[in-house]
Amino acid sequence: MKSPKSETVAARSANMSRIRSKDTKPEMLVRKALHRLGFRFRLHVRDLPGHPDIVLPKYKVIFQVKGCFWHGHTCRDGRMPKSNRDY
């Protein structure tokens, strides 16, 4: 029989595995706006540090699209974690 802690760890692991790192809503909005303005770009370039979300090679510009959680916003989607707050 599993201990309650292992079930919690498994549930958290299952939840975290469903969080997308590519093609998120904010990223798609930025990409659509850039494309509409005539910019052409590359996505998730692995040979650059940090694997930037959007790269404009012609202008030597990168975009890292992060959500409210990472910036600590207090909007509807920016919630603080209930566990491991020190992290």
C-alpha atoms as a PDB file:
ATOM      1  CA  MET A   1       0.000   0.000   0.000  1.00  0.00           C
ATOM      2  CA  LYS A   2       1.268   3.486  -0.882  1.00  0.00           C
ATOM      3  CA  SER A   3       1.902   6.071   1.781  1.00  0.00           C
ATOM      4  CA  PRO A   4      -0.146   9.299   1.605  1.00  0.00           C
ATOM      5  CA  LYS A   5       3.021  11.290   0.789  1.00  0.00           C
ATOM      6  CA  SER A   6       3.821   9.168  -2.282  1.00  0.00           C
ATOM      7  CA  GLU A   7       0.306   9.681  -3.600  1.00  0.00           C
ATOM      8  CA  THR A   8       0.717  13.423  -3.162  1.00  0.00           C
ATOM      9  CA  VAL A   9       4.056  13.338  -4.969  1.00  0.00           C
ATOM     10  CA  ALA A  10       2.545  11.280  -7.787  1.00  0.00           C
ATOM     11  CA  ALA A  11      -0.439  13.630  -8.084  1.00  0.00           C
ATOM     12  CA  ARG A  12       1.865  16.667  -8.172  1.00  0.00           C
ATOM     13  CA  SER A  13       4.064  14.991 -10.776  1.00  0.00           C
ATOM     14  CA  ALA A  14       1.020  14.232 -12.936  1.00  0.00           C
ATOM     15  CA  ASN A  15      -0.167  17.834 -12.624  1.00  0.00           C
ATOM     16  CA  MET A  16       3.238  19.334 -13.429  1.00  0.00           C
ATOM     17  CA  SER A  17       3.632  17.081 -16.470  1.00  0.00           C
ATOM     18  CA  ARG A  18       0.553  18.721 -18.014  1.00  0.00           C
ATOM     19  CA  ILE A  19       1.950  22.262 -17.765  1.00  0.00           C
ATOM     20  CA  ARG A  20       3.070  23.373 -21.203  1.00  0.00           C
ATOM     21  CA  SER A  21       6.297  25.216 -21.814  1.00  0.00           C
ATOM     22  CA  LYS A  22       5.707  25.855 -25.513  1.00  0.00           C
ATOM     23  CA  ASP A  23       2.778  27.311 -27.448  1.00  0.00           C
ATOM     24  CA  THR A  24       1.134  28.866 -24.385  1.00  0.00           C
ATOM     25  CA  LYS A  25      -1.666  31.411 -24.811  1.00  0.00           C
ATOM     26  CA  PRO A  26       0.521  34.444 -24.002  1.00  0.00           C
ATOM     27  CA  GLU A  27       3.227  33.186 -26.362  1.00  0.00           C
ATOM     28  CA  MET A  28       0.724  32.625 -29.171  1.00  0.00           C
ATOM     29  CA  LEU A  29      -0.652  36.163 -28.730  1.00  0.00           C
ATOM     30  CA  VAL A  30       2.837  37.663 -29.009  1.00  0.00           C
ATOM     31  CA  ARG A  31       3.645  35.498 -32.034  1.00  0.00           C
ATOM     32  CA  LYS A  32       0.418  36.457 -33.819  1.00  0.00           C
ATOM     33  CA  ALA A  33       1.014  40.160 -33.143  1.00  0.00           C
ATOM     34  CA  LEU A  34       4.603  40.007 -34.391  1.00  0.00           C
ATOM     35  CA  HIS A  35       3.565  38.111 -37.515  1.00  0.00           C
ATOM     36  CA  ARG A  36       0.737  40.572 -38.196  1.00  0.00           C
ATOM     37  CA  LEU A  37       3.278  43.409 -37.988  1.00  0.00           C
ATOM     38  CA  GLY A  38       5.420  41.711 -40.626  1.00  0.00           C
ATOM     39  CA  PHE A  39       8.150  40.274 -38.407  1.00  0.00           C
ATOM     40  CA  ARG A  40       9.494  36.822 -39.187  1.00  0.00           C
ATOM     41  CA  PHE A  41      10.974  34.776 -36.398  1.00  0.00           C
ATOM     42  CA  ARG A  42      12.305  31.438 -35.192  1.00  0.00           C
ATOM     43  CA  LEU A  43      10.868  29.520 -32.265  1.00  0.00           C
ATOM     44  CA  HIS A  44      12.566  27.890 -29.263  1.00  0.00           C
ATOM     45  CA  VAL A  45      16.115  28.091 -30.601  1.00  0.00           C
ATOM     46  CA  ARG A  46      18.082  25.417 -28.745  1.00  0.00           C
ATOM     47  CA  ASP A  47      21.548  26.729 -29.546  1.00  0.00           C
ATOM     48  CA  LEU A  48      20.942  30.015 -27.653  1.00  0.00           C
ATOM     49  CA  PRO A  49      21.199  30.251 -23.856  1.00  0.00           C
ATOM     50  CA  GLY A  50      17.842  29.798 -22.155  1.00  0.00           C
ATOM     51  CA  HIS A  51      16.136  28.484 -25.332  1.00  0.00           C
ATOM     52  CA  PRO A  52      14.280  31.764 -26.026  1.00  0.00           C
ATOM     53  CA  ASP A  53      10.641  31.478 -27.065  1.00  0.00           C
ATOM     54  CA  ILE A  54      10.896  33.827 -30.052  1.00  0.00           C
ATOM     55  CA  VAL A  55      14.019  34.952 -31.933  1.00  0.00           C
ATOM     56  CA  LEU A  56      14.164  37.741 -34.493  1.00  0.00           C
ATOM     57  CA  PRO A  57      17.514  36.891 -36.133  1.00  0.00           C
ATOM     58  CA  LYS A  58      17.478  39.897 -38.481  1.00  0.00           C
ATOM     59  CA  TYR A  59      17.316  42.290 -35.512  1.00  0.00           C
ATOM     60  CA  LYS A  60      19.275  40.122 -33.047  1.00  0.00           C
ATOM     61  CA  VAL A  61      16.368  40.243 -30.577  1.00  0.00           C
ATOM     62  CA  ILE A  62      14.893  37.495 -28.415  1.00  0.00           C
ATOM     63  CA  PHE A  63      11.637  37.203 -26.474  1.00  0.00           C
ATOM     64  CA  GLN A  64      11.048  35.121 -23.370  1.00  0.00           C
ATOM     65  CA  VAL A  65       7.285  35.028 -22.776  1.00  0.00           C
ATOM     66  CA  LYS A  66       6.616  34.338 -19.107  1.00  0.00           C
ATOM     67  CA  GLY A  67       3.273  34.294 -17.380  1.00  0.00           C
ATOM     68  CA  CYS A  68       1.951  35.987 -14.262  1.00  0.00           C
ATOM     69  CA  PHE A  69       3.192  33.250 -11.932  1.00  0.00           C
ATOM     70  CA  TRP A  70       6.837  33.922 -12.790  1.00  0.00           C
ATOM     71  CA  HIS A  71       6.469  37.676 -12.437  1.00  0.00           C
ATOM     72  CA  GLY A  72       4.414  37.496  -9.243  1.00  0.00           C
ATOM     73  CA  HIS A  73       1.483  39.475 -10.616  1.00  0.00           C
ATOM     74  CA  THR A  74      -1.636  39.656  -8.510  1.00  0.00           C
ATOM     75  CA  CYS A  75      -4.019  39.267 -11.433  1.00  0.00           C
ATOM     76  CA  ARG A  76      -6.553  36.481 -11.861  1.00  0.00           C
ATOM     77  CA  ASP A  77      -3.965  33.953 -13.076  1.00  0.00           C
ATOM     78  CA  GLY A  78      -1.085  34.962 -10.796  1.00  0.00           C
ATOM     79  CA  ARG A  79      -1.485  32.746  -7.729  1.00  0.00           C
ATOM     80  CA  MET A  80       1.218  32.059  -5.172  1.00  0.00           C
ATOM     81  CA  PRO A  81       1.940  28.361  -4.584  1.00  0.00           C
ATOM     82  CA  LYS A  82       0.442  26.839  -1.445  1.00  0.00           C
ATOM     83  CA  SER A  83       3.468  24.643  -0.792  1.00  0.00           C
ATOM     84  CA  ASN A  84       7.218  25.249  -1.113  1.00  0.00           C
ATOM     85  CA  ARG A  85       6.797  29.054  -0.913  1.00  0.00           C
ATOM     86  CA  ASP A  86      10.482  29.550  -0.098  1.00  0.00           C
ATOM     87  CA  TYR A  87      11.411  28.343  -3.579  1.00  0.00           C
END
